[in-house]
Amino acid sequence: MTVKDTKFDELLDFPCQQTFKIMGVAHDDLPVHVITVLQRLAPGDYVPKIKPSSKGNYHSLSISVTVTSKDHMELVYNELGALELVRVVL
């Protein structure tokens, strides 16, 4: 999953807060891996909101991140989407 040629720079004023929604396998390591990537790309104090799916197979994480540019936002999307436990990043 690679995000390219987005219009984020036309739609947003950077730096800004962006809430990322990450859906992935219901595993204890999912939030750990997500926060590890975010600490590398945009260090901060992260406390994701985690909601399990109705059957409990997947978790949805909502997490607010300060992004500094279109390229930075795309990098965060791409790096989160590359995680093994992640299925979708919105």
N, C-alpha and C. Protein backbone atom coordinates (compact mmCIF):
# COMPACT_ATOMS: atom_id res chain seq x y z
N MET A 1 0.85 -1.17 0.00
CA MET A 1 0.00 0.00 0.00
C MET A 1 0.90 1.23 0.00
N THR A 2 0.92 1.95 -1.10
CA THR A 2 1.73 3.16 -1.20
C THR A 2 0.86 4.32 -1.61
N VAL A 3 0.94 5.41 -0.87
CA VAL A 3 0.19 6.62 -1.18
C VAL A 3 1.09 7.51 -2.03
N LYS A 4 0.57 7.96 -3.18
CA LYS A 4 1.34 8.84 -4.06
C LYS A 4 0.45 9.94 -4.60
N ASP A 5 1.06 11.06 -4.93
CA ASP A 5 0.38 12.16 -5.59
C ASP A 5 -0.91 12.57 -4.92
N THR A 6 -0.88 12.71 -3.61
CA THR A 6 -2.06 13.16 -2.87
C THR A 6 -2.20 14.67 -3.01
N LYS A 7 -3.32 15.18 -2.57
CA LYS A 7 -3.59 16.62 -2.60
C LYS A 7 -3.52 17.22 -1.20
N PHE A 8 -2.85 16.50 -0.28
CA PHE A 8 -2.78 16.97 1.10
C PHE A 8 -2.27 18.40 1.19
N ASP A 9 -1.29 18.76 0.36
CA ASP A 9 -0.72 20.10 0.43
C ASP A 9 -1.72 21.17 0.01
N GLU A 10 -2.71 20.82 -0.80
CA GLU A 10 -3.73 21.77 -1.22
C GLU A 10 -4.87 21.87 -0.21
N LEU A 11 -5.04 20.82 0.58
CA LEU A 11 -6.18 20.75 1.48
C LEU A 11 -5.86 21.13 2.92
N LEU A 12 -4.60 21.03 3.31
CA LEU A 12 -4.21 21.24 4.70
C LEU A 12 -3.14 22.31 4.83
N ASP A 13 -3.13 22.98 5.98
CA ASP A 13 -2.05 23.90 6.32
C ASP A 13 -1.13 23.18 7.29
N PHE A 14 0.13 23.01 6.90
CA PHE A 14 1.10 22.30 7.73
C PHE A 14 1.90 23.26 8.56
N PRO A 15 2.37 22.86 9.75
CA PRO A 15 2.10 21.59 10.42
C PRO A 15 0.66 21.55 10.93
N CYS A 16 0.12 20.33 11.08
CA CYS A 16 -1.24 20.16 11.58
C CYS A 16 -1.38 18.80 12.26
N GLN A 17 -2.45 18.69 13.03
CA GLN A 17 -2.78 17.42 13.67
C GLN A 17 -3.60 16.60 12.69
N GLN A 18 -3.25 15.36 12.51
CA GLN A 18 -3.99 14.45 11.64
C GLN A 18 -4.29 13.19 12.43
N THR A 19 -5.55 12.78 12.42
CA THR A 19 -5.91 11.53 13.09
C THR A 19 -5.82 10.39 12.07
N PHE A 20 -4.99 9.44 12.38
CA PHE A 20 -4.85 8.25 11.53
C PHE A 20 -5.69 7.14 12.14
N LYS A 21 -6.41 6.42 11.30
CA LYS A 21 -7.15 5.24 11.74
C LYS A 21 -6.44 4.04 11.13
N ILE A 22 -6.03 3.15 12.00
CA ILE A 22 -5.27 1.97 11.57
C ILE A 22 -6.08 0.74 11.94
N MET A 23 -6.39 -0.08 10.95
CA MET A 23 -7.09 -1.33 11.22
C MET A 23 -6.13 -2.48 11.00
N GLY A 24 -6.10 -3.37 11.98
CA GLY A 24 -5.17 -4.48 11.87
C GLY A 24 -5.62 -5.67 12.69
N VAL A 25 -4.81 -6.71 12.64
CA VAL A 25 -5.07 -7.94 13.34
C VAL A 25 -5.11 -7.67 14.85
N ALA A 26 -6.07 -8.28 15.53
CA ALA A 26 -6.20 -8.11 16.98
C ALA A 26 -5.06 -8.84 17.68
N HIS A 27 -3.99 -8.13 17.92
CA HIS A 27 -2.79 -8.69 18.52
C HIS A 27 -2.24 -7.65 19.49
N ASP A 28 -1.71 -8.11 20.62
CA ASP A 28 -1.17 -7.19 21.62
C ASP A 28 -0.06 -6.30 21.05
N ASP A 29 0.65 -6.78 20.03
CA ASP A 29 1.77 -6.02 19.47
C ASP A 29 1.34 -4.94 18.48
N LEU A 30 0.09 -4.94 18.03
CA LEU A 30 -0.34 -3.95 17.03
C LEU A 30 -0.09 -2.52 17.51
N PRO A 31 -0.60 -2.10 18.68
CA PRO A 31 -0.33 -0.73 19.10
C PRO A 31 1.15 -0.46 19.35
N VAL A 32 1.88 -1.45 19.80
CA VAL A 32 3.33 -1.29 20.05
C VAL A 32 4.04 -0.99 18.73
N HIS A 33 3.75 -1.75 17.69
CA HIS A 33 4.39 -1.53 16.38
C HIS A 33 4.01 -0.17 15.80
N VAL A 34 2.73 0.20 15.92
CA VAL A 34 2.27 1.49 15.39
C VAL A 34 3.00 2.63 16.11
N ILE A 35 3.05 2.58 17.42
CA ILE A 35 3.70 3.65 18.19
C ILE A 35 5.20 3.69 17.91
N THR A 36 5.83 2.54 17.71
CA THR A 36 7.26 2.50 17.38
C THR A 36 7.52 3.25 16.07
N VAL A 37 6.70 3.02 15.07
CA VAL A 37 6.85 3.72 13.78
C VAL A 37 6.64 5.22 13.99
N LEU A 38 5.59 5.58 14.72
CA LEU A 38 5.31 7.00 14.93
C LEU A 38 6.41 7.70 15.71
N GLN A 39 7.00 7.03 16.69
CA GLN A 39 8.09 7.64 17.46
C GLN A 39 9.30 7.92 16.56
N ARG A 40 9.50 7.07 15.58
CA ARG A 40 10.62 7.27 14.65
C ARG A 40 10.33 8.43 13.69
N LEU A 41 9.08 8.55 13.23
CA LEU A 41 8.73 9.53 12.20
C LEU A 41 8.25 10.86 12.75
N ALA A 42 7.58 10.83 13.90
CA ALA A 42 7.01 12.03 14.50
C ALA A 42 6.94 11.83 16.01
N PRO A 43 8.08 11.97 16.70
CA PRO A 43 8.12 11.69 18.13
C PRO A 43 7.06 12.47 18.92
N GLY A 44 6.45 11.77 19.87
CA GLY A 44 5.42 12.40 20.70
C GLY A 44 4.90 11.42 21.73
N ASP A 45 3.95 11.89 22.51
CA ASP A 45 3.29 11.05 23.50
C ASP A 45 2.00 10.52 22.89
N TYR A 46 1.97 9.26 22.55
CA TYR A 46 0.83 8.68 21.85
C TYR A 46 0.04 7.73 22.74
N VAL A 47 -1.27 7.91 22.73
CA VAL A 47 -2.18 7.02 23.43
C VAL A 47 -3.31 6.70 22.46
N PRO A 48 -3.17 5.62 21.70
CA PRO A 48 -4.20 5.31 20.71
C PRO A 48 -5.50 4.86 21.36
N LYS A 49 -6.61 5.23 20.72
CA LYS A 49 -7.91 4.69 21.12
C LYS A 49 -8.07 3.38 20.35
N ILE A 50 -8.35 2.31 21.07
CA ILE A 50 -8.43 0.99 20.44
C ILE A 50 -9.84 0.45 20.59
N LYS A 51 -10.40 0.04 19.44
CA LYS A 51 -11.74 -0.57 19.43
C LYS A 51 -11.64 -1.93 18.76
N PRO A 52 -12.11 -2.97 19.44
CA PRO A 52 -12.12 -4.30 18.81
C PRO A 52 -13.28 -4.43 17.83
N SER A 53 -13.11 -5.27 16.82
CA SER A 53 -14.20 -5.55 15.89
C SER A 53 -15.25 -6.40 16.60
N SER A 54 -16.42 -6.53 15.99
CA SER A 54 -17.51 -7.27 16.64
C SER A 54 -17.15 -8.72 16.93
N LYS A 55 -16.36 -9.34 16.06
CA LYS A 55 -15.94 -10.72 16.29
C LYS A 55 -14.62 -10.82 17.04
N GLY A 56 -13.96 -9.67 17.22
CA GLY A 56 -12.71 -9.66 17.98
C GLY A 56 -11.47 -10.06 17.19
N ASN A 57 -11.60 -10.21 15.86
CA ASN A 57 -10.45 -10.61 15.05
C ASN A 57 -9.55 -9.43 14.69
N TYR A 58 -10.11 -8.22 14.71
CA TYR A 58 -9.38 -7.03 14.30
C TYR A 58 -9.53 -5.94 15.34
N HIS A 59 -8.58 -5.01 15.34
CA HIS A 59 -8.65 -3.83 16.18
C HIS A 59 -8.53 -2.61 15.29
N SER A 60 -9.24 -1.56 15.68
CA SER A 60 -9.13 -0.27 15.02
C SER A 60 -8.47 0.68 16.00
N LEU A 61 -7.38 1.32 15.57
CA LEU A 61 -6.66 2.27 16.40
C LEU A 61 -6.86 3.66 15.80
N SER A 62 -7.20 4.63 16.64
CA SER A 62 -7.25 6.03 16.23
C SER A 62 -6.16 6.74 17.00
N ILE A 63 -5.34 7.50 16.25
CA ILE A 63 -4.21 8.16 16.91
C ILE A 63 -3.91 9.47 16.20
N SER A 64 -3.76 10.53 16.98
CA SER A 64 -3.52 11.86 16.43
C SER A 64 -2.02 12.13 16.35
N VAL A 65 -1.59 12.61 15.18
CA VAL A 65 -0.16 12.80 14.91
C VAL A 65 0.04 14.20 14.32
N THR A 66 1.10 14.90 14.74
CA THR A 66 1.44 16.16 14.12
C THR A 66 2.29 15.87 12.88
N VAL A 67 1.77 16.27 11.72
CA VAL A 67 2.50 16.09 10.47
C VAL A 67 2.95 17.46 9.97
N THR A 68 4.13 17.49 9.36
CA THR A 68 4.74 18.77 9.02
C THR A 68 4.67 19.13 7.54
N SER A 69 4.32 18.17 6.69
CA SER A 69 4.27 18.43 5.25
C SER A 69 3.51 17.30 4.55
N LYS A 70 3.22 17.53 3.29
CA LYS A 70 2.59 16.48 2.47
C LYS A 70 3.47 15.23 2.46
N ASP A 71 4.76 15.40 2.24
CA ASP A 71 5.68 14.26 2.19
C ASP A 71 5.72 13.51 3.52
N HIS A 72 5.70 14.27 4.62
CA HIS A 72 5.72 13.66 5.95
C HIS A 72 4.45 12.84 6.17
N MET A 73 3.31 13.38 5.77
CA MET A 73 2.04 12.68 5.94
C MET A 73 2.02 11.40 5.10
N GLU A 74 2.47 11.48 3.88
CA GLU A 74 2.53 10.29 3.02
C GLU A 74 3.48 9.25 3.58
N LEU A 75 4.60 9.70 4.16
CA LEU A 75 5.56 8.77 4.77
C LEU A 75 4.91 8.03 5.94
N VAL A 76 4.17 8.75 6.78
CA VAL A 76 3.49 8.11 7.90
C VAL A 76 2.50 7.07 7.39
N TYR A 77 1.67 7.43 6.41
CA TYR A 77 0.72 6.48 5.82
C TYR A 77 1.45 5.24 5.31
N ASN A 78 2.49 5.44 4.54
CA ASN A 78 3.20 4.32 3.92
C ASN A 78 3.88 3.43 4.95
N GLU A 79 4.52 4.03 5.94
CA GLU A 79 5.23 3.24 6.96
C GLU A 79 4.24 2.45 7.82
N LEU A 80 3.12 3.07 8.19
CA LEU A 80 2.11 2.34 8.98
C LEU A 80 1.51 1.22 8.14
N GLY A 81 1.23 1.50 6.88
CA GLY A 81 0.63 0.50 6.00
C GLY A 81 1.54 -0.68 5.72
N ALA A 82 2.85 -0.49 5.89
CA ALA A 82 3.81 -1.56 5.63
C ALA A 82 3.95 -2.54 6.80
N LEU A 83 3.38 -2.20 7.95
CA LEU A 83 3.47 -3.09 9.11
C LEU A 83 2.72 -4.38 8.85
N GLU A 84 3.30 -5.49 9.28
CA GLU A 84 2.73 -6.81 9.02
C GLU A 84 1.33 -6.99 9.59
N LEU A 85 1.07 -6.46 10.77
CA LEU A 85 -0.23 -6.65 11.41
C LEU A 85 -1.30 -5.69 10.88
N VAL A 86 -0.91 -4.66 10.14
CA VAL A 86 -1.85 -3.64 9.66
C VAL A 86 -2.49 -4.08 8.35
N ARG A 87 -3.81 -3.85 8.26
CA ARG A 87 -4.55 -4.17 7.03
C ARG A 87 -4.95 -2.92 6.26
N VAL A 88 -5.32 -1.83 6.97
CA VAL A 88 -5.79 -0.60 6.32
C VAL A 88 -5.36 0.60 7.15
N VAL A 89 -4.95 1.68 6.46
CA VAL A 89 -4.67 2.95 7.13
C VAL A 89 -5.53 4.02 6.46
N LEU A 90 -6.28 4.74 7.27
CA LEU A 90 -7.12 5.83 6.76
C LEU A 90 -6.69 7.14 7.37
